[in-house]
Amino acid sequence: MTSAIVLQHTPTEGPERIATLLAARGISFETRALHAGQPVPDVVGRDQMLIVMGGPMGVADAGSPRHAYLSQEIALPRRLIAR
């Protein structure tokens, strides 16, 4: 793996420990602050990993205006697994 994409759902649940582990292994990463309106990536490269942080929402919140990104986010790992 050459890089990672971290999906963050709240400002208080960031990738601090994961960031330390990635850095120790020389893996760069980009954090997408979904809660702040940054987009869910359309593509994750074959040399990238996807890291999905936790949060107060759940799958049942898909379609909620409060978590507008959630439907796209749920679809992303499905596409990656199918690939």
PDB file of N, CA and C in Angstrom:
ATOM      1  N   MET A   1       0.842  -1.181   0.000  1.00  0.00           N
ATOM      2  CA  MET A   1       0.000   0.000   0.000  1.00  0.00           C
ATOM      3  C   MET A   1       0.890   1.248   0.000  1.00  0.00           C
ATOM      4  N   THR A   2       0.535   2.177  -0.841  1.00  0.00           N
ATOM      5  CA  THR A   2       1.312   3.408  -0.878  1.00  0.00           C
ATOM      6  C   THR A   2       0.609   4.567  -0.194  1.00  0.00           C
ATOM      7  N   SER A   3      -0.720   4.479  -0.071  1.00  0.00           N
ATOM      8  CA  SER A   3      -1.448   5.549   0.599  1.00  0.00           C
ATOM      9  C   SER A   3      -2.786   5.030   1.116  1.00  0.00           C
ATOM     10  N   ALA A   4      -3.426   5.879   1.908  1.00  0.00           N
ATOM     11  CA  ALA A   4      -4.716   5.515   2.495  1.00  0.00           C
ATOM     12  C   ALA A   4      -5.652   6.714   2.408  1.00  0.00           C
ATOM     13  N   ILE A   5      -6.933   6.415   2.380  1.00  0.00           N
ATOM     14  CA  ILE A   5      -7.969   7.437   2.472  1.00  0.00           C
ATOM     15  C   ILE A   5      -8.747   7.139   3.750  1.00  0.00           C
ATOM     16  N   VAL A   6      -8.840   8.140   4.623  1.00  0.00           N
ATOM     17  CA  VAL A   6      -9.543   7.996   5.896  1.00  0.00           C
ATOM     18  C   VAL A   6     -10.857   8.763   5.809  1.00  0.00           C
ATOM     19  N   LEU A   7     -11.963   8.075   6.067  1.00  0.00           N
ATOM     20  CA  LEU A   7     -13.272   8.727   6.090  1.00  0.00           C
ATOM     21  C   LEU A   7     -13.626   9.047   7.540  1.00  0.00           C
ATOM     22  N   GLN A   8     -13.735  10.326   7.836  1.00  0.00           N
ATOM     23  CA  GLN A   8     -13.998  10.796   9.197  1.00  0.00           C
ATOM     24  C   GLN A   8     -15.415  11.341   9.274  1.00  0.00           C
ATOM     25  N   HIS A   9     -16.145  10.983  10.334  1.00  0.00           N
ATOM     26  CA  HIS A   9     -17.561  11.330  10.464  1.00  0.00           C
ATOM     27  C   HIS A   9     -17.859  12.437  11.462  1.00  0.00           C
ATOM     28  N   THR A  10     -16.991  12.662  12.414  1.00  0.00           N
ATOM     29  CA  THR A  10     -17.187  13.731  13.396  1.00  0.00           C
ATOM     30  C   THR A  10     -15.845  14.406  13.656  1.00  0.00           C
ATOM     31  N   PRO A  11     -15.863  15.651  14.065  1.00  0.00           N
ATOM     32  CA  PRO A  11     -14.593  16.325  14.322  1.00  0.00           C
ATOM     33  C   PRO A  11     -13.832  15.743  15.517  1.00  0.00           C
ATOM     34  N   THR A  12     -14.530  15.028  16.377  1.00  0.00           N
ATOM     35  CA  THR A  12     -13.884  14.501  17.588  1.00  0.00           C
ATOM     36  C   THR A  12     -13.391  13.064  17.439  1.00  0.00           C
ATOM     37  N   GLU A  13     -13.650  12.445  16.295  1.00  0.00           N
ATOM     38  CA  GLU A  13     -13.232  11.054  16.102  1.00  0.00           C
ATOM     39  C   GLU A  13     -12.330  10.968  14.880  1.00  0.00           C
ATOM     40  N   GLY A  14     -11.119  11.503  15.048  1.00  0.00           N
ATOM     41  CA  GLY A  14     -10.150  11.523  13.961  1.00  0.00           C
ATOM     42  C   GLY A  14      -9.229  10.320  13.985  1.00  0.00           C
ATOM     43  N   PRO A  15      -8.304  10.277  13.045  1.00  0.00           N
ATOM     44  CA  PRO A  15      -7.439   9.110  12.887  1.00  0.00           C
ATOM     45  C   PRO A  15      -6.121   9.196  13.655  1.00  0.00           C
ATOM     46  N   GLU A  16      -6.115   9.753  14.828  1.00  0.00           N
ATOM     47  CA  GLU A  16      -4.855  10.002  15.527  1.00  0.00           C
ATOM     48  C   GLU A  16      -3.980   8.753  15.666  1.00  0.00           C
ATOM     49  N   ARG A  17      -4.485   7.697  16.232  1.00  0.00           N
ATOM     50  CA  ARG A  17      -3.689   6.473  16.427  1.00  0.00           C
ATOM     51  C   ARG A  17      -3.379   5.807  15.094  1.00  0.00           C
ATOM     52  N   ILE A  18      -4.364   5.780  14.225  1.00  0.00           N
ATOM     53  CA  ILE A  18      -4.151   5.189  12.901  1.00  0.00           C
ATOM     54  C   ILE A  18      -3.115   6.004  12.135  1.00  0.00           C
ATOM     55  N   ALA A  19      -3.181   7.334  12.240  1.00  0.00           N
ATOM     56  CA  ALA A  19      -2.204   8.195  11.564  1.00  0.00           C
ATOM     57  C   ALA A  19      -0.789   7.890  12.029  1.00  0.00           C
ATOM     58  N   THR A  20      -0.632   7.649  13.319  1.00  0.00           N
ATOM     59  CA  THR A  20       0.683   7.305  13.865  1.00  0.00           C
ATOM     60  C   THR A  20       1.180   5.987  13.287  1.00  0.00           C
ATOM     61  N   LEU A  21       0.310   5.004  13.218  1.00  0.00           N
ATOM     62  CA  LEU A  21       0.688   3.696  12.672  1.00  0.00           C
ATOM     63  C   LEU A  21       1.021   3.779  11.186  1.00  0.00           C
ATOM     64  N   LEU A  22       0.237   4.542  10.435  1.00  0.00           N
ATOM     65  CA  LEU A  22       0.512   4.704   9.013  1.00  0.00           C
ATOM     66  C   LEU A  22       1.859   5.390   8.803  1.00  0.00           C
ATOM     67  N   ALA A  23       2.100   6.462   9.541  1.00  0.00           N
ATOM     68  CA  ALA A  23       3.359   7.193   9.411  1.00  0.00           C
ATOM     69  C   ALA A  23       4.554   6.303   9.746  1.00  0.00           C
ATOM     70  N   ALA A  24       4.415   5.472  10.764  1.00  0.00           N
ATOM     71  CA  ALA A  24       5.503   4.574  11.149  1.00  0.00           C
ATOM     72  C   ALA A  24       5.835   3.578  10.044  1.00  0.00           C
ATOM     73  N   ARG A  25       4.872   3.332   9.176  1.00  0.00           N
ATOM     74  CA  ARG A  25       5.075   2.389   8.070  1.00  0.00           C
ATOM     75  C   ARG A  25       5.317   3.097   6.742  1.00  0.00           C
ATOM     76  N   GLY A  26       5.447   4.415   6.802  1.00  0.00           N
ATOM     77  CA  GLY A  26       5.722   5.181   5.593  1.00  0.00           C
ATOM     78  C   GLY A  26       4.562   5.277   4.632  1.00  0.00           C
ATOM     79  N   ILE A  27       3.344   5.158   5.158  1.00  0.00           N
ATOM     80  CA  ILE A  27       2.145   5.222   4.319  1.00  0.00           C
ATOM     81  C   ILE A  27       1.507   6.600   4.473  1.00  0.00           C
ATOM     82  N   SER A  28       1.395   7.324   3.382  1.00  0.00           N
ATOM     83  CA  SER A  28       0.739   8.633   3.427  1.00  0.00           C
ATOM     84  C   SER A  28      -0.773   8.435   3.471  1.00  0.00           C
ATOM     85  N   PHE A  29      -1.471   9.455   3.941  1.00  0.00           N
ATOM     86  CA  PHE A  29      -2.924   9.345   3.982  1.00  0.00           C
ATOM     87  C   PHE A  29      -3.571  10.700   3.786  1.00  0.00           C
ATOM     88  N   GLU A  30      -4.810  10.644   3.367  1.00  0.00           N
ATOM     89  CA  GLU A  30      -5.645  11.817   3.169  1.00  0.00           C
ATOM     90  C   GLU A  30      -6.908  11.587   3.990  1.00  0.00           C
ATOM     91  N   THR A  31      -7.296  12.562   4.781  1.00  0.00           N
ATOM     92  CA  THR A  31      -8.522  12.458   5.564  1.00  0.00           C
ATOM     93  C   THR A  31      -9.633  13.209   4.856  1.00  0.00           C
ATOM     94  N   ARG A  32     -10.765  12.559   4.674  1.00  0.00           N
ATOM     95  CA  ARG A  32     -11.953  13.204   4.129  1.00  0.00           C
ATOM     96  C   ARG A  32     -12.905  13.452   5.297  1.00  0.00           C
ATOM     97  N   ALA A  33     -13.107  14.718   5.628  1.00  0.00           N
ATOM     98  CA  ALA A  33     -14.006  15.100   6.719  1.00  0.00           C
ATOM     99  C   ALA A  33     -15.433  15.140   6.164  1.00  0.00           C
ATOM    100  N   LEU A  34     -16.086  13.988   6.152  1.00  0.00           N
ATOM    101  CA  LEU A  34     -17.424  13.888   5.584  1.00  0.00           C
ATOM    102  C   LEU A  34     -18.407  14.772   6.329  1.00  0.00           C
ATOM    103  N   HIS A  35     -18.244  14.881   7.633  1.00  0.00           N
ATOM    104  CA  HIS A  35     -19.123  15.713   8.468  1.00  0.00           C
ATOM    105  C   HIS A  35     -19.024  17.183   8.093  1.00  0.00           C
ATOM    106  N   ALA A  36     -17.914  17.576   7.463  1.00  0.00           N
ATOM    107  CA  ALA A  36     -17.712  18.974   7.083  1.00  0.00           C
ATOM    108  C   ALA A  36     -18.000  19.211   5.597  1.00  0.00           C
ATOM    109  N   GLY A  37     -18.557  18.203   4.929  1.00  0.00           N
ATOM    110  CA  GLY A  37     -18.954  18.375   3.545  1.00  0.00           C
ATOM    111  C   GLY A  37     -17.947  17.911   2.505  1.00  0.00           C
ATOM    112  N   GLN A  38     -16.794  17.380   2.940  1.00  0.00           N
ATOM    113  CA  GLN A  38     -15.864  16.852   1.950  1.00  0.00           C
ATOM    114  C   GLN A  38     -16.473  15.597   1.320  1.00  0.00           C
ATOM    115  N   PRO A  39     -16.200  15.363   0.046  1.00  0.00           N
ATOM    116  CA  PRO A  39     -16.886  14.271  -0.652  1.00  0.00           C
ATOM    117  C   PRO A  39     -16.324  12.887  -0.342  1.00  0.00           C
ATOM    118  N   VAL A  40     -17.198  11.907  -0.449  1.00  0.00           N
ATOM    119  CA  VAL A  40     -16.787  10.507  -0.422  1.00  0.00           C
ATOM    120  C   VAL A  40     -16.030  10.276  -1.729  1.00  0.00           C
ATOM    121  N   PRO A  41     -14.878   9.626  -1.691  1.00  0.00           N
ATOM    122  CA  PRO A  41     -14.157   9.417  -2.949  1.00  0.00           C
ATOM    123  C   PRO A  41     -14.946   8.516  -3.902  1.00  0.00           C
ATOM    124  N   ASP A  42     -14.833   8.812  -5.180  1.00  0.00           N
ATOM    125  CA  ASP A  42     -15.472   7.971  -6.187  1.00  0.00           C
ATOM    126  C   ASP A  42     -14.674   6.705  -6.428  1.00  0.00           C
ATOM    127  N   VAL A  43     -13.357   6.829  -6.278  1.00  0.00           N
ATOM    128  CA  VAL A  43     -12.447   5.735  -6.601  1.00  0.00           C
ATOM    129  C   VAL A  43     -11.424   5.576  -5.492  1.00  0.00           C
ATOM    130  N   VAL A  44     -11.090   4.327  -5.207  1.00  0.00           N
ATOM    131  CA  VAL A  44      -9.962   4.001  -4.339  1.00  0.00           C
ATOM    132  C   VAL A  44      -9.048   3.130  -5.186  1.00  0.00           C
ATOM    133  N   GLY A  45      -7.818   3.577  -5.369  1.00  0.00           N
ATOM    134  CA  GLY A  45      -6.890   2.854  -6.222  1.00  0.00           C
ATOM    135  C   GLY A  45      -6.499   1.501  -5.651  1.00  0.00           C
ATOM    136  N   ARG A  46      -5.998   0.658  -6.514  1.00  0.00           N
ATOM    137  CA  ARG A  46      -5.583  -0.681  -6.091  1.00  0.00           C
ATOM    138  C   ARG A  46      -4.410  -0.636  -5.119  1.00  0.00           C
ATOM    139  N   ASP A  47      -3.665   0.463  -5.110  1.00  0.00           N
ATOM    140  CA  ASP A  47      -2.542   0.599  -4.188  1.00  0.00           C
ATOM    141  C   ASP A  47      -2.895   1.459  -2.977  1.00  0.00           C
ATOM    142  N   GLN A  48      -4.194   1.663  -2.756  1.00  0.00           N
ATOM    143  CA  GLN A  48      -4.660   2.444  -1.610  1.00  0.00           C
ATOM    144  C   GLN A  48      -5.486   1.573  -0.680  1.00  0.00           C
ATOM    145  N   MET A  49      -5.552   2.008   0.566  1.00  0.00           N
ATOM    146  CA  MET A  49      -6.465   1.363   1.514  1.00  0.00           C
ATOM    147  C   MET A  49      -7.510   2.381   1.937  1.00  0.00           C
ATOM    148  N   LEU A  50      -8.673   1.880   2.279  1.00  0.00           N
ATOM    149  CA  LEU A  50      -9.768   2.714   2.764  1.00  0.00           C
ATOM    150  C   LEU A  50      -9.938   2.439   4.249  1.00  0.00           C
ATOM    151  N   ILE A  51      -9.927   3.509   5.040  1.00  0.00           N
ATOM    152  CA  ILE A  51     -10.121   3.399   6.482  1.00  0.00           C
ATOM    153  C   ILE A  51     -11.376   4.195   6.829  1.00  0.00           C
ATOM    154  N   VAL A  52     -12.351   3.532   7.416  1.00  0.00           N
ATOM    155  CA  VAL A  52     -13.622   4.165   7.749  1.00  0.00           C
ATOM    156  C   VAL A  52     -13.697   4.304   9.271  1.00  0.00           C
ATOM    157  N   MET A  53     -13.706   5.545   9.731  1.00  0.00           N
ATOM    158  CA  MET A  53     -13.789   5.812  11.160  1.00  0.00           C
ATOM    159  C   MET A  53     -15.232   5.606  11.634  1.00  0.00           C
ATOM    160  N   GLY A  54     -15.407   5.569  12.942  1.00  0.00           N
ATOM    161  CA  GLY A  54     -16.731   5.398  13.529  1.00  0.00           C
ATOM    162  C   GLY A  54     -17.447   6.722  13.706  1.00  0.00           C
ATOM    163  N   GLY A  55     -18.616   6.636  14.281  1.00  0.00           N
ATOM    164  CA  GLY A  55     -19.405   7.834  14.542  1.00  0.00           C
ATOM    165  C   GLY A  55     -20.750   7.461  15.118  1.00  0.00           C
ATOM    166  N   PRO A  56     -21.578   8.449  15.374  1.00  0.00           N
ATOM    167  CA  PRO A  56     -22.864   8.199  16.011  1.00  0.00           C
ATOM    168  C   PRO A  56     -23.928   7.677  15.047  1.00  0.00           C
ATOM    169  N   MET A  57     -23.655   7.714  13.746  1.00  0.00           N
ATOM    170  CA  MET A  57     -24.652   7.296  12.779  1.00  0.00           C
ATOM    171  C   MET A  57     -24.549   5.802  12.518  1.00  0.00           C
ATOM    172  N   GLY A  58     -25.569   5.285  11.860  1.00  0.00           N
ATOM    173  CA  GLY A  58     -25.585   3.874  11.497  1.00  0.00           C
ATOM    174  C   GLY A  58     -26.195   3.714  10.113  1.00  0.00           C
ATOM    175  N   VAL A  59     -26.227   2.512   9.631  1.00  0.00           N
ATOM    176  CA  VAL A  59     -26.740   2.227   8.295  1.00  0.00           C
ATOM    177  C   VAL A  59     -28.184   2.702   8.156  1.00  0.00           C
ATOM    178  N   ALA A  60     -28.942   2.642   9.225  1.00  0.00           N
ATOM    179  CA  ALA A  60     -30.341   3.076   9.172  1.00  0.00           C
ATOM    180  C   ALA A  60     -30.472   4.576   8.920  1.00  0.00           C
ATOM    181  N   ASP A  61     -29.374   5.329   9.069  1.00  0.00           N
ATOM    182  CA  ASP A  61     -29.405   6.771   8.828  1.00  0.00           C
ATOM    183  C   ASP A  61     -29.162   7.128   7.365  1.00  0.00           C
ATOM    184  N   ALA A  62     -28.945   6.134   6.506  1.00  0.00           N
ATOM    185  CA  ALA A  62     -28.771   6.415   5.074  1.00  0.00           C
ATOM    186  C   ALA A  62     -30.024   7.094   4.554  1.00  0.00           C
ATOM    187  N   GLY A  63     -29.846   8.158   3.809  1.00  0.00           N
ATOM    188  CA  GLY A  63     -30.982   8.921   3.303  1.00  0.00           C
ATOM    189  C   GLY A  63     -31.363  10.088   4.188  1.00  0.00           C
ATOM    190  N   SER A  64     -30.822  10.133   5.394  1.00  0.00           N
ATOM    191  CA  SER A  64     -31.107  11.241   6.300  1.00  0.00           C
ATOM    192  C   SER A  64     -30.344  12.482   5.837  1.00  0.00           C
ATOM    193  N   PRO A  65     -30.996  13.657   5.827  1.00  0.00           N
ATOM    194  CA  PRO A  65     -30.276  14.869   5.440  1.00  0.00           C
ATOM    195  C   PRO A  65     -29.120  15.186   6.398  1.00  0.00           C
ATOM    196  N   ARG A  66     -29.210  14.716   7.604  1.00  0.00           N
ATOM    197  CA  ARG A  66     -28.149  14.957   8.586  1.00  0.00           C
ATOM    198  C   ARG A  66     -26.855  14.239   8.193  1.00  0.00           C
ATOM    199  N   HIS A  67     -26.985  13.114   7.514  1.00  0.00           N
ATOM    200  CA  HIS A  67     -25.827  12.330   7.076  1.00  0.00           C
ATOM    201  C   HIS A  67     -25.951  12.077   5.575  1.00  0.00           C
ATOM    202  N   ALA A  68     -25.982  13.147   4.806  1.00  0.00           N
ATOM    203  CA  ALA A  68     -26.231  13.057   3.365  1.00  0.00           C
ATOM    204  C   ALA A  68     -25.202  12.204   2.626  1.00  0.00           C
ATOM    205  N   TYR A  69     -24.006  12.102   3.156  1.00  0.00           N
ATOM    206  CA  TYR A  69     -22.917  11.347   2.527  1.00  0.00           C
ATOM    207  C   TYR A  69     -23.041   9.839   2.715  1.00  0.00           C
ATOM    208  N   LEU A  70     -23.878   9.400   3.621  1.00  0.00           N
ATOM    209  CA  LEU A  70     -23.864   8.010   4.070  1.00  0.00           C
ATOM    210  C   LEU A  70     -24.209   7.004   2.966  1.00  0.00           C
ATOM    211  N   SER A  71     -25.157   7.305   2.123  1.00  0.00           N
ATOM    212  CA  SER A  71     -25.512   6.366   1.050  1.00  0.00           C
ATOM    213  C   SER A  71     -24.335   6.136   0.117  1.00  0.00           C
ATOM    214  N   GLN A  72     -23.630   7.216  -0.245  1.00  0.00           N
ATOM    215  CA  GLN A  72     -22.441   7.082  -1.098  1.00  0.00           C
ATOM    216  C   GLN A  72     -21.351   6.296  -0.381  1.00  0.00           C
ATOM    217  N   GLU A  73     -21.208   6.557   0.898  1.00  0.00           N
ATOM    218  CA  GLU A  73     -20.175   5.867   1.669  1.00  0.00           C
ATOM    219  C   GLU A  73     -20.456   4.369   1.761  1.00  0.00           C
ATOM    220  N   ILE A  74     -21.692   3.989   1.959  1.00  0.00           N
ATOM    221  CA  ILE A  74     -22.060   2.575   2.037  1.00  0.00           C
ATOM    222  C   ILE A  74     -21.797   1.888   0.698  1.00  0.00           C
ATOM    223  N   ALA A  75     -22.038   2.597  -0.396  1.00  0.00           N
ATOM    224  CA  ALA A  75     -21.835   2.032  -1.729  1.00  0.00           C
ATOM    225  C   ALA A  75     -20.353   1.800  -2.052  1.00  0.00           C
ATOM    226  N   LEU A  76     -19.476   2.644  -1.504  1.00  0.00           N
ATOM    227  CA  LEU A  76     -18.052   2.554  -1.830  1.00  0.00           C
ATOM    228  C   LEU A  76     -17.431   1.214  -1.460  1.00  0.00           C
ATOM    229  N   PRO A  77     -17.523   0.738  -0.216  1.00  0.00           N
ATOM    230  CA  PRO A  77     -16.922  -0.563   0.096  1.00  0.00           C
ATOM    231  C   PRO A  77     -17.578  -1.716  -0.681  1.00  0.00           C
ATOM    232  N   ARG A  78     -18.857  -1.571  -0.981  1.00  0.00           N
ATOM    233  CA  ARG A  78     -19.523  -2.616  -1.792  1.00  0.00           C
ATOM    234  C   ARG A  78     -18.857  -2.716  -3.155  1.00  0.00           C
ATOM    235  N   ARG A  79     -18.571  -1.564  -3.767  1.00  0.00           N
ATOM    236  CA  ARG A  79     -17.896  -1.579  -5.071  1.00  0.00           C
ATOM    237  C   ARG A  79     -16.478  -2.153  -4.945  1.00  0.00           C
ATOM    238  N   LEU A  80     -15.799  -1.787  -3.877  1.00  0.00           N
ATOM    239  CA  LEU A  80     -14.432  -2.282  -3.683  1.00  0.00           C
ATOM    240  C   LEU A  80     -14.412  -3.796  -3.468  1.00  0.00           C
ATOM    241  N   ILE A  81     -15.344  -4.301  -2.700  1.00  0.00           N
ATOM    242  CA  ILE A  81     -15.413  -5.764  -2.459  1.00  0.00           C
ATOM    243  C   ILE A  81     -15.744  -6.494  -3.753  1.00  0.00           C
ATOM    244  N   ALA A  82     -16.650  -5.938  -4.540  1.00  0.00           N
ATOM    245  CA  ALA A  82     -17.021  -6.559  -5.806  1.00  0.00           C
ATOM    246  C   ALA A  82     -15.836  -6.579  -6.778  1.00  0.00           C
ATOM    247  N   ARG A  83     -14.997  -5.547  -6.687  1.00  0.00           N
ATOM    248  CA  ARG A  83     -13.821  -5.457  -7.557  1.00  0.00           C
ATOM    249  C   ARG A  83     -12.823  -6.522  -7.204  1.00  0.00           C
TER     250      ARG A  83
END
